[in-house]
Amino acid sequence: MRYPGPERRDLKTRAAISARLTSMLSSPSLLLTVGEAQRLLGIARDAAERILGHLEDSGVLRQLQRGVYTPGPLISGMPRP
């Protein structure tokens, strides 16, 4: 369902962040913190937390400890423990 009115999201920025994330997640041995994601993607900390949380919910990442993520089984091909 589309909502009337202008698009609020910056789709160019979203596409650029997605491309950078895809590149970062290509390493199955990656350990990624919220702070590193914030710095590498050039976004606010709360946005980095939301993005990494969504990726964890979808199985792309798994959280090893608070704020530390690694590629999940969808990326690494490894089963979840």
Protein backbone atom coordinates (compact mmCIF):
# COMPACT_ATOMS: atom_id res chain seq x y z
CA MET A 1 0.00 0.00 0.00
CA ARG A 2 1.43 3.36 -0.99
CA TYR A 3 0.86 6.35 1.19
CA PRO A 4 0.00 9.66 -0.43
CA GLY A 5 2.60 12.36 -0.29
CA PRO A 6 6.30 12.62 -0.96
CA GLU A 7 8.72 9.78 -0.35
CA ARG A 8 10.45 10.45 2.98
CA ARG A 9 13.29 7.96 2.60
CA ASP A 10 16.42 8.89 0.74
CA LEU A 11 16.53 5.97 -1.69
CA LYS A 12 19.97 6.89 -3.13
CA THR A 13 21.50 6.86 0.34
CA ARG A 14 19.72 3.61 1.18
CA ALA A 15 21.11 1.97 -1.98
CA ALA A 16 24.64 3.20 -1.22
CA ILE A 17 24.46 1.88 2.36
CA SER A 18 23.13 -1.44 1.09
CA ALA A 19 26.02 -1.76 -1.37
CA ARG A 20 28.57 -0.97 1.36
CA LEU A 21 26.95 -3.50 3.72
CA THR A 22 27.02 -6.19 1.05
CA SER A 23 30.71 -5.57 0.54
CA MET A 24 31.42 -5.62 4.28
CA LEU A 25 29.47 -8.84 4.84
CA SER A 26 31.34 -10.77 2.16
CA SER A 27 33.83 -12.04 4.76
CA PRO A 28 32.43 -14.96 6.80
CA SER A 29 34.98 -14.24 9.55
CA LEU A 30 33.81 -10.64 9.98
CA LEU A 31 33.22 -9.24 13.45
CA LEU A 32 31.26 -6.02 13.18
CA THR A 33 30.41 -3.65 16.02
CA VAL A 34 27.74 -0.99 16.00
CA GLY A 35 30.45 1.68 16.21
CA GLU A 36 32.31 0.26 13.21
CA ALA A 37 29.11 0.06 11.17
CA GLN A 38 28.33 3.66 12.11
CA ARG A 39 31.78 4.82 11.03
CA LEU A 40 32.03 2.73 7.84
CA LEU A 41 28.53 3.58 6.65
CA GLY A 42 28.64 7.21 7.71
CA ILE A 43 25.35 7.06 9.60
CA ALA A 44 24.10 7.88 13.10
CA ARG A 45 24.54 5.30 15.86
CA ASP A 46 20.80 4.72 16.28
CA ALA A 47 20.48 4.08 12.53
CA ALA A 48 23.39 1.60 12.66
CA GLU A 49 21.74 -0.20 15.59
CA ARG A 50 18.43 -0.42 13.71
CA ILE A 51 20.06 -1.69 10.52
CA LEU A 52 22.13 -4.33 12.31
CA GLY A 53 19.07 -5.36 14.34
CA HIS A 54 17.02 -5.81 11.16
CA LEU A 55 19.83 -7.84 9.59
CA GLU A 56 19.95 -10.03 12.70
CA ASP A 57 16.17 -10.53 12.63
CA SER A 58 16.37 -11.61 8.99
CA GLY A 59 19.24 -14.06 9.63
CA VAL A 60 21.89 -12.15 7.70
CA LEU A 61 23.79 -11.39 10.92
CA ARG A 62 23.89 -12.98 14.32
CA GLN A 63 24.76 -11.16 17.50
CA LEU A 64 27.64 -12.69 19.44
CA GLN A 65 27.35 -10.26 22.32
CA ARG A 66 25.70 -6.88 22.80
CA GLY A 67 26.68 -4.74 19.82
CA VAL A 68 28.99 -7.33 18.17
CA TYR A 69 27.76 -9.13 15.05
CA THR A 70 29.04 -11.75 12.64
CA PRO A 71 27.56 -13.03 9.38
CA GLY A 72 24.73 -15.46 9.97
CA PRO A 73 24.06 -18.74 8.21
CA LEU A 74 22.54 -16.98 5.18
CA ILE A 75 25.91 -15.35 4.45
CA SER A 76 28.47 -17.82 5.75
CA GLY A 77 26.68 -21.03 4.79
CA MET A 78 27.31 -22.30 8.32
CA PRO A 79 24.46 -23.68 10.42
CA ARG A 80 23.39 -21.75 13.49
CA PRO A 81 24.68 -23.12 16.79
